[in-house]
Amino acid sequence: MMNYQVIADNGSMYNTPATYSWYLAGLVFQWLKAQGGVKAMGETNRRKAEKLYGFIDANEFYANPIDPRYRSWMNIPFTLRDDALNSVFLEGADARGLLNLAGHRSVGGMRASIYNAMPESGVDALIQYMTEFAKERG
């Protein structure tokens, strides 16, 4: 690929770049720029993570098994006080449009993925549901 003779011998068609992937990446970059750029997204992601971790850490019904020094801003695992409530929690979450919260198979519990496209209002909705669930089941 880095040999111009190979490219010339193949009429510049030795390797067709993944143009669709480039196109999608370009759309993502435009969206990120419209959100204020990388610095603004970093601040938003930090705020979302701190809000959710803060709620979990302050609530006796939920727990986060990750040492605070190593916590991700993107994937936030948490457990319920009683594992028997996991399926009930997930059903209620799904009914509210809070999807894909089932935890990783090696860890169990729940996992909230709050990547760039997840608005802060989504984190707020999750916290509201978690608050209601803990009051009802705690």
N, C-alpha and C. Protein backbone atom coordinates (compact mmCIF):
# COMPACT_ATOMS: atom_id res chain seq x y z
N MET A 1 0.82 -1.19 0.00
CA MET A 1 0.00 0.00 0.00
C MET A 1 0.86 1.26 0.00
N MET A 2 2.03 1.20 0.63
CA MET A 2 2.89 2.38 0.69
C MET A 2 3.92 2.39 -0.44
N ASN A 3 3.74 1.51 -1.42
CA ASN A 3 4.63 1.42 -2.55
C ASN A 3 3.93 2.02 -3.77
N TYR A 4 4.45 3.15 -4.27
CA TYR A 4 3.81 3.81 -5.40
C TYR A 4 3.76 2.93 -6.64
N GLN A 5 4.71 2.02 -6.79
CA GLN A 5 4.70 1.15 -7.96
C GLN A 5 3.49 0.23 -7.91
N VAL A 6 3.16 -0.29 -6.73
CA VAL A 6 1.97 -1.15 -6.58
C VAL A 6 0.72 -0.35 -6.94
N ILE A 7 0.65 0.89 -6.48
CA ILE A 7 -0.50 1.73 -6.78
C ILE A 7 -0.58 1.99 -8.29
N ALA A 8 0.55 2.32 -8.92
CA ALA A 8 0.58 2.59 -10.36
C ALA A 8 0.22 1.34 -11.17
N ASP A 9 0.75 0.19 -10.76
CA ASP A 9 0.48 -1.06 -11.48
C ASP A 9 -0.98 -1.47 -11.40
N ASN A 10 -1.68 -0.94 -10.43
CA ASN A 10 -3.10 -1.30 -10.25
C ASN A 10 -4.05 -0.16 -10.58
N GLY A 11 -3.55 0.80 -11.34
CA GLY A 11 -4.40 1.90 -11.77
C GLY A 11 -5.02 2.68 -10.62
N SER A 12 -4.25 2.82 -9.56
CA SER A 12 -4.70 3.52 -8.35
C SER A 12 -5.89 2.83 -7.68
N MET A 13 -6.10 1.56 -8.00
CA MET A 13 -7.25 0.85 -7.44
C MET A 13 -6.82 -0.33 -6.56
N TYR A 14 -5.58 -0.32 -6.09
CA TYR A 14 -5.09 -1.43 -5.26
C TYR A 14 -5.91 -1.56 -3.99
N ASN A 15 -6.25 -0.44 -3.41
CA ASN A 15 -7.01 -0.46 -2.17
C ASN A 15 -8.00 0.70 -2.19
N THR A 16 -9.27 0.38 -2.22
CA THR A 16 -10.29 1.41 -2.19
C THR A 16 -10.53 1.79 -0.72
N PRO A 17 -10.36 3.03 -0.37
CA PRO A 17 -10.56 3.42 1.02
C PRO A 17 -12.02 3.25 1.43
N ALA A 18 -12.22 3.13 2.71
CA ALA A 18 -13.56 2.94 3.27
C ALA A 18 -14.27 4.29 3.29
N THR A 19 -14.77 4.72 2.15
CA THR A 19 -15.33 6.06 2.03
C THR A 19 -16.59 6.25 2.86
N TYR A 20 -17.41 5.22 3.02
CA TYR A 20 -18.61 5.37 3.83
C TYR A 20 -18.24 5.63 5.28
N SER A 21 -17.23 4.94 5.78
CA SER A 21 -16.76 5.18 7.14
C SER A 21 -16.23 6.60 7.28
N TRP A 22 -15.53 7.08 6.25
CA TRP A 22 -15.04 8.45 6.29
C TRP A 22 -16.20 9.44 6.31
N TYR A 23 -17.21 9.15 5.50
CA TYR A 23 -18.38 10.01 5.45
C TYR A 23 -19.06 10.08 6.83
N LEU A 24 -19.27 8.92 7.45
CA LEU A 24 -19.90 8.91 8.76
C LEU A 24 -19.04 9.61 9.81
N ALA A 25 -17.75 9.39 9.75
CA ALA A 25 -16.85 10.08 10.68
C ALA A 25 -16.96 11.59 10.49
N GLY A 26 -17.06 12.03 9.24
CA GLY A 26 -17.22 13.46 8.97
C GLY A 26 -18.49 14.02 9.58
N LEU A 27 -19.58 13.27 9.50
CA LEU A 27 -20.84 13.71 10.12
C LEU A 27 -20.68 13.81 11.64
N VAL A 28 -20.01 12.84 12.23
CA VAL A 28 -19.78 12.88 13.67
C VAL A 28 -18.93 14.09 14.04
N PHE A 29 -17.89 14.35 13.27
CA PHE A 29 -17.02 15.50 13.55
C PHE A 29 -17.80 16.81 13.44
N GLN A 30 -18.68 16.92 12.45
CA GLN A 30 -19.51 18.12 12.32
C GLN A 30 -20.41 18.27 13.54
N TRP A 31 -21.02 17.16 13.97
CA TRP A 31 -21.90 17.19 15.14
C TRP A 31 -21.12 17.61 16.38
N LEU A 32 -19.92 17.03 16.56
CA LEU A 32 -19.10 17.39 17.71
C LEU A 32 -18.76 18.88 17.70
N LYS A 33 -18.44 19.40 16.53
CA LYS A 33 -18.12 20.82 16.41
C LYS A 33 -19.33 21.67 16.77
N ALA A 34 -20.52 21.25 16.33
CA ALA A 34 -21.74 21.98 16.64
C ALA A 34 -22.07 21.96 18.13
N GLN A 35 -21.57 20.96 18.84
CA GLN A 35 -21.78 20.86 20.29
C GLN A 35 -20.79 21.71 21.08
N GLY A 36 -19.85 22.31 20.38
CA GLY A 36 -18.86 23.15 21.04
C GLY A 36 -17.46 22.60 20.96
N GLY A 37 -17.30 21.48 20.29
CA GLY A 37 -15.97 20.89 20.12
C GLY A 37 -15.60 19.91 21.21
N VAL A 38 -14.39 19.42 21.11
CA VAL A 38 -13.91 18.37 22.01
C VAL A 38 -13.89 18.85 23.46
N LYS A 39 -13.44 20.08 23.68
CA LYS A 39 -13.36 20.60 25.04
C LYS A 39 -14.76 20.66 25.69
N ALA A 40 -15.73 21.16 24.95
CA ALA A 40 -17.09 21.25 25.47
C ALA A 40 -17.68 19.86 25.72
N MET A 41 -17.41 18.92 24.82
CA MET A 41 -17.92 17.56 25.00
C MET A 41 -17.28 16.91 26.23
N GLY A 42 -16.01 17.19 26.44
CA GLY A 42 -15.33 16.65 27.62
C GLY A 42 -15.97 17.15 28.90
N GLU A 43 -16.28 18.44 28.93
CA GLU A 43 -16.92 19.03 30.11
C GLU A 43 -18.31 18.43 30.33
N THR A 44 -19.07 18.28 29.26
CA THR A 44 -20.40 17.68 29.37
C THR A 44 -20.30 16.24 29.86
N ASN A 45 -19.37 15.49 29.30
CA ASN A 45 -19.22 14.08 29.71
C ASN A 45 -18.78 13.96 31.16
N ARG A 46 -17.89 14.84 31.58
CA ARG A 46 -17.47 14.84 32.99
C ARG A 46 -18.65 15.12 33.90
N ARG A 47 -19.43 16.11 33.53
CA ARG A 47 -20.59 16.50 34.33
C ARG A 47 -21.62 15.37 34.41
N LYS A 48 -21.90 14.71 33.27
CA LYS A 48 -22.85 13.60 33.26
C LYS A 48 -22.37 12.48 34.17
N ALA A 49 -21.09 12.13 34.05
CA ALA A 49 -20.54 11.03 34.86
C ALA A 49 -20.56 11.38 36.34
N GLU A 50 -20.13 12.59 36.68
CA GLU A 50 -20.12 12.99 38.09
C GLU A 50 -21.53 12.98 38.68
N LYS A 51 -22.49 13.39 37.89
CA LYS A 51 -23.88 13.41 38.36
C LYS A 51 -24.36 11.99 38.67
N LEU A 52 -24.12 11.06 37.75
CA LEU A 52 -24.59 9.68 37.96
C LEU A 52 -23.81 8.98 39.06
N TYR A 53 -22.48 9.10 39.05
CA TYR A 53 -21.69 8.50 40.14
C TYR A 53 -22.08 9.09 41.49
N GLY A 54 -22.29 10.39 41.53
CA GLY A 54 -22.67 11.04 42.78
C GLY A 54 -23.97 10.48 43.32
N PHE A 55 -24.93 10.29 42.43
CA PHE A 55 -26.21 9.72 42.86
C PHE A 55 -26.02 8.30 43.39
N ILE A 56 -25.30 7.49 42.65
CA ILE A 56 -25.09 6.09 43.05
C ILE A 56 -24.36 6.03 44.39
N ASP A 57 -23.31 6.80 44.52
CA ASP A 57 -22.50 6.76 45.74
C ASP A 57 -23.27 7.25 46.97
N ALA A 58 -24.23 8.14 46.76
CA ALA A 58 -24.99 8.71 47.88
C ALA A 58 -26.23 7.90 48.23
N ASN A 59 -26.49 6.84 47.49
CA ASN A 59 -27.72 6.08 47.67
C ASN A 59 -27.39 4.67 48.16
N GLU A 60 -27.97 4.27 49.25
CA GLU A 60 -27.68 2.94 49.82
C GLU A 60 -28.28 1.80 49.01
N PHE A 61 -29.22 2.09 48.13
CA PHE A 61 -29.87 1.05 47.33
C PHE A 61 -28.99 0.60 46.17
N TYR A 62 -28.09 1.47 45.72
CA TYR A 62 -27.22 1.20 44.57
C TYR A 62 -25.76 1.22 45.02
N ALA A 63 -24.94 0.53 44.26
CA ALA A 63 -23.50 0.54 44.54
C ALA A 63 -22.73 0.52 43.24
N ASN A 64 -21.52 1.08 43.28
CA ASN A 64 -20.61 1.04 42.15
C ASN A 64 -19.33 0.37 42.63
N PRO A 65 -18.96 -0.76 42.01
CA PRO A 65 -17.81 -1.51 42.50
C PRO A 65 -16.44 -1.00 42.04
N ILE A 66 -16.40 0.08 41.27
CA ILE A 66 -15.15 0.55 40.68
C ILE A 66 -14.51 1.61 41.58
N ASP A 67 -13.23 1.46 41.82
CA ASP A 67 -12.47 2.45 42.58
C ASP A 67 -12.61 3.79 41.86
N PRO A 68 -12.96 4.85 42.60
CA PRO A 68 -13.16 6.15 41.96
C PRO A 68 -12.01 6.62 41.08
N ARG A 69 -10.80 6.21 41.36
CA ARG A 69 -9.65 6.63 40.54
C ARG A 69 -9.70 6.05 39.13
N TYR A 70 -10.47 4.97 38.95
CA TYR A 70 -10.46 4.27 37.66
C TYR A 70 -11.82 4.27 36.98
N ARG A 71 -12.71 5.11 37.39
CA ARG A 71 -14.05 5.12 36.83
C ARG A 71 -14.09 5.74 35.43
N SER A 72 -14.88 5.11 34.59
CA SER A 72 -15.07 5.58 33.22
C SER A 72 -16.10 6.70 33.18
N TRP A 73 -15.93 7.62 32.25
CA TRP A 73 -16.95 8.63 32.00
C TRP A 73 -18.01 8.12 31.04
N MET A 74 -17.76 7.00 30.40
CA MET A 74 -18.65 6.52 29.35
C MET A 74 -19.54 5.35 29.78
N ASN A 75 -19.00 4.40 30.50
CA ASN A 75 -19.74 3.23 30.94
C ASN A 75 -19.72 3.16 32.45
N ILE A 76 -20.89 3.28 33.05
CA ILE A 76 -20.99 3.35 34.50
C ILE A 76 -21.73 2.12 35.00
N PRO A 77 -20.99 1.18 35.57
CA PRO A 77 -21.66 -0.01 36.11
C PRO A 77 -22.21 0.28 37.50
N PHE A 78 -23.30 -0.37 37.83
CA PHE A 78 -23.83 -0.28 39.18
C PHE A 78 -24.66 -1.51 39.48
N THR A 79 -24.80 -1.78 40.75
CA THR A 79 -25.59 -2.92 41.19
C THR A 79 -26.72 -2.42 42.08
N LEU A 80 -27.75 -3.24 42.18
CA LEU A 80 -28.85 -2.97 43.08
C LEU A 80 -28.57 -3.71 44.38
N ARG A 81 -29.17 -3.27 45.45
CA ARG A 81 -28.98 -3.92 46.75
C ARG A 81 -29.34 -5.40 46.67
N ASP A 82 -30.36 -5.73 45.89
CA ASP A 82 -30.85 -7.10 45.77
C ASP A 82 -30.82 -7.51 44.30
N ASP A 83 -29.97 -8.46 43.94
CA ASP A 83 -29.86 -8.92 42.55
C ASP A 83 -31.17 -9.48 42.02
N ALA A 84 -32.05 -9.94 42.90
CA ALA A 84 -33.34 -10.48 42.47
C ALA A 84 -34.21 -9.41 41.81
N LEU A 85 -33.88 -8.14 42.02
CA LEU A 85 -34.65 -7.04 41.44
C LEU A 85 -34.13 -6.61 40.07
N ASN A 86 -33.04 -7.19 39.61
CA ASN A 86 -32.44 -6.76 38.35
C ASN A 86 -33.43 -6.80 37.19
N SER A 87 -34.14 -7.92 37.02
CA SER A 87 -35.05 -8.03 35.88
C SER A 87 -36.22 -7.05 36.01
N VAL A 88 -36.69 -6.82 37.22
CA VAL A 88 -37.77 -5.86 37.44
C VAL A 88 -37.27 -4.45 37.11
N PHE A 89 -36.06 -4.12 37.54
CA PHE A 89 -35.47 -2.83 37.25
C PHE A 89 -35.37 -2.62 35.74
N LEU A 90 -34.87 -3.63 35.04
CA LEU A 90 -34.70 -3.51 33.59
C LEU A 90 -36.03 -3.37 32.87
N GLU A 91 -37.05 -4.10 33.31
CA GLU A 91 -38.37 -3.99 32.68
C GLU A 91 -38.92 -2.57 32.86
N GLY A 92 -38.80 -2.03 34.06
CA GLY A 92 -39.27 -0.67 34.31
C GLY A 92 -38.49 0.36 33.52
N ALA A 93 -37.20 0.14 33.40
CA ALA A 93 -36.36 1.06 32.62
C ALA A 93 -36.77 1.03 31.15
N ASP A 94 -36.94 -0.17 30.61
CA ASP A 94 -37.36 -0.31 29.21
C ASP A 94 -38.68 0.40 28.96
N ALA A 95 -39.63 0.26 29.90
CA ALA A 95 -40.94 0.89 29.76
C ALA A 95 -40.82 2.41 29.70
N ARG A 96 -39.77 2.95 30.28
CA ARG A 96 -39.55 4.40 30.28
C ARG A 96 -38.61 4.86 29.16
N GLY A 97 -38.23 3.93 28.30
CA GLY A 97 -37.34 4.29 27.20
C GLY A 97 -35.88 4.35 27.59
N LEU A 98 -35.56 3.82 28.77
CA LEU A 98 -34.16 3.76 29.23
C LEU A 98 -33.65 2.36 28.86
N LEU A 99 -32.97 2.27 27.75
CA LEU A 99 -32.67 0.98 27.13
C LEU A 99 -31.23 0.53 27.35
N ASN A 100 -31.04 -0.77 27.20
CA ASN A 100 -29.70 -1.38 27.19
C ASN A 100 -28.93 -1.14 28.48
N LEU A 101 -29.59 -1.28 29.61
CA LEU A 101 -28.94 -1.06 30.90
C LEU A 101 -28.41 -2.34 31.53
N ALA A 102 -28.64 -3.49 30.90
CA ALA A 102 -28.15 -4.74 31.47
C ALA A 102 -26.63 -4.69 31.56
N GLY A 103 -26.12 -5.14 32.68
CA GLY A 103 -24.68 -5.08 32.91
C GLY A 103 -23.89 -6.03 32.04
N HIS A 104 -22.61 -5.85 32.05
CA HIS A 104 -21.69 -6.72 31.32
C HIS A 104 -21.76 -8.12 31.90
N ARG A 105 -21.68 -9.13 31.07
CA ARG A 105 -21.84 -10.51 31.52
C ARG A 105 -20.81 -10.92 32.57
N SER A 106 -19.64 -10.30 32.56
CA SER A 106 -18.62 -10.68 33.53
C SER A 106 -18.79 -9.97 34.87
N VAL A 107 -19.58 -8.89 34.89
CA VAL A 107 -19.74 -8.10 36.11
C VAL A 107 -21.15 -8.23 36.68
N GLY A 108 -22.15 -8.32 35.80
CA GLY A 108 -23.53 -8.37 36.25
C GLY A 108 -24.05 -7.00 36.57
N GLY A 109 -25.18 -6.95 37.26
CA GLY A 109 -25.78 -5.68 37.61
C GLY A 109 -26.21 -4.90 36.39
N MET A 110 -26.00 -3.61 36.44
CA MET A 110 -26.41 -2.71 35.36
C MET A 110 -25.19 -1.97 34.82
N ARG A 111 -25.37 -1.42 33.62
CA ARG A 111 -24.32 -0.58 33.04
C ARG A 111 -24.98 0.51 32.21
N ALA A 112 -24.77 1.73 32.63
CA ALA A 112 -25.29 2.88 31.89
C ALA A 112 -24.19 3.38 30.96
N SER A 113 -24.44 3.30 29.67
CA SER A 113 -23.50 3.83 28.69
C SER A 113 -23.94 5.24 28.34
N ILE A 114 -23.10 6.21 28.68
CA ILE A 114 -23.47 7.61 28.49
C ILE A 114 -22.46 8.29 27.55
N TYR A 115 -22.30 7.71 26.40
CA TYR A 115 -21.38 8.23 25.40
C TYR A 115 -21.79 9.64 24.95
N ASN A 116 -21.02 10.22 24.06
CA ASN A 116 -21.21 11.61 23.63
C ASN A 116 -22.65 11.93 23.24
N ALA A 117 -23.31 11.05 22.50
CA ALA A 117 -24.64 11.37 21.98
C ALA A 117 -25.73 11.29 23.04
N MET A 118 -25.42 10.75 24.22
CA MET A 118 -26.42 10.70 25.29
C MET A 118 -26.53 12.08 25.93
N PRO A 119 -27.69 12.71 25.81
CA PRO A 119 -27.83 14.04 26.39
C PRO A 119 -27.88 13.97 27.92
N GLU A 120 -27.55 15.07 28.53
CA GLU A 120 -27.59 15.13 29.99
C GLU A 120 -29.00 14.85 30.51
N SER A 121 -30.00 15.19 29.74
CA SER A 121 -31.38 14.91 30.14
C SER A 121 -31.63 13.40 30.24
N GLY A 122 -30.90 12.60 29.47
CA GLY A 122 -31.00 11.15 29.57
C GLY A 122 -30.46 10.65 30.90
N VAL A 123 -29.37 11.24 31.35
CA VAL A 123 -28.82 10.89 32.66
C VAL A 123 -29.79 11.31 33.76
N ASP A 124 -30.39 12.49 33.60
CA ASP A 124 -31.38 12.96 34.57
C ASP A 124 -32.58 12.01 34.63
N ALA A 125 -33.03 11.53 33.48
CA ALA A 125 -34.16 10.60 33.43
C ALA A 125 -33.80 9.29 34.13
N LEU A 126 -32.59 8.81 33.93
CA LEU A 126 -32.15 7.59 34.60
C LEU A 126 -32.12 7.79 36.11
N ILE A 127 -31.58 8.89 36.55
CA ILE A 127 -31.51 9.17 37.99
C ILE A 127 -32.92 9.27 38.58
N GLN A 128 -33.82 9.90 37.86
CA GLN A 128 -35.20 10.00 38.34
C GLN A 128 -35.82 8.62 38.48
N TYR A 129 -35.62 7.77 37.48
CA TYR A 129 -36.15 6.40 37.55
C TYR A 129 -35.50 5.64 38.71
N MET A 130 -34.19 5.75 38.85
CA MET A 130 -33.50 5.04 39.93
C MET A 130 -34.01 5.51 41.30
N THR A 131 -34.30 6.79 41.44
CA THR A 131 -34.83 7.33 42.68
C THR A 131 -36.20 6.71 42.98
N GLU A 132 -37.07 6.71 41.98
CA GLU A 132 -38.40 6.13 42.15
C GLU A 132 -38.33 4.64 42.46
N PHE A 133 -37.47 3.93 41.75
CA PHE A 133 -37.34 2.49 41.95
C PHE A 133 -36.86 2.17 43.35
N ALA A 134 -35.88 2.91 43.82
CA ALA A 134 -35.35 2.68 45.17
C ALA A 134 -36.41 2.97 46.23
N LYS A 135 -37.22 4.00 46.02
CA LYS A 135 -38.31 4.30 46.99
C LYS A 135 -39.35 3.19 47.02
N GLU A 136 -39.69 2.67 45.82
CA GLU A 136 -40.70 1.62 45.74
C GLU A 136 -40.20 0.28 46.27
N ARG A 137 -38.93 -0.03 46.02
CA ARG A 137 -38.41 -1.37 46.32
C ARG A 137 -37.47 -1.41 47.50
N GLY A 138 -37.07 -0.25 47.99
CA GLY A 138 -36.06 -0.22 49.05
C GLY A 138 -36.69 -0.32 50.39
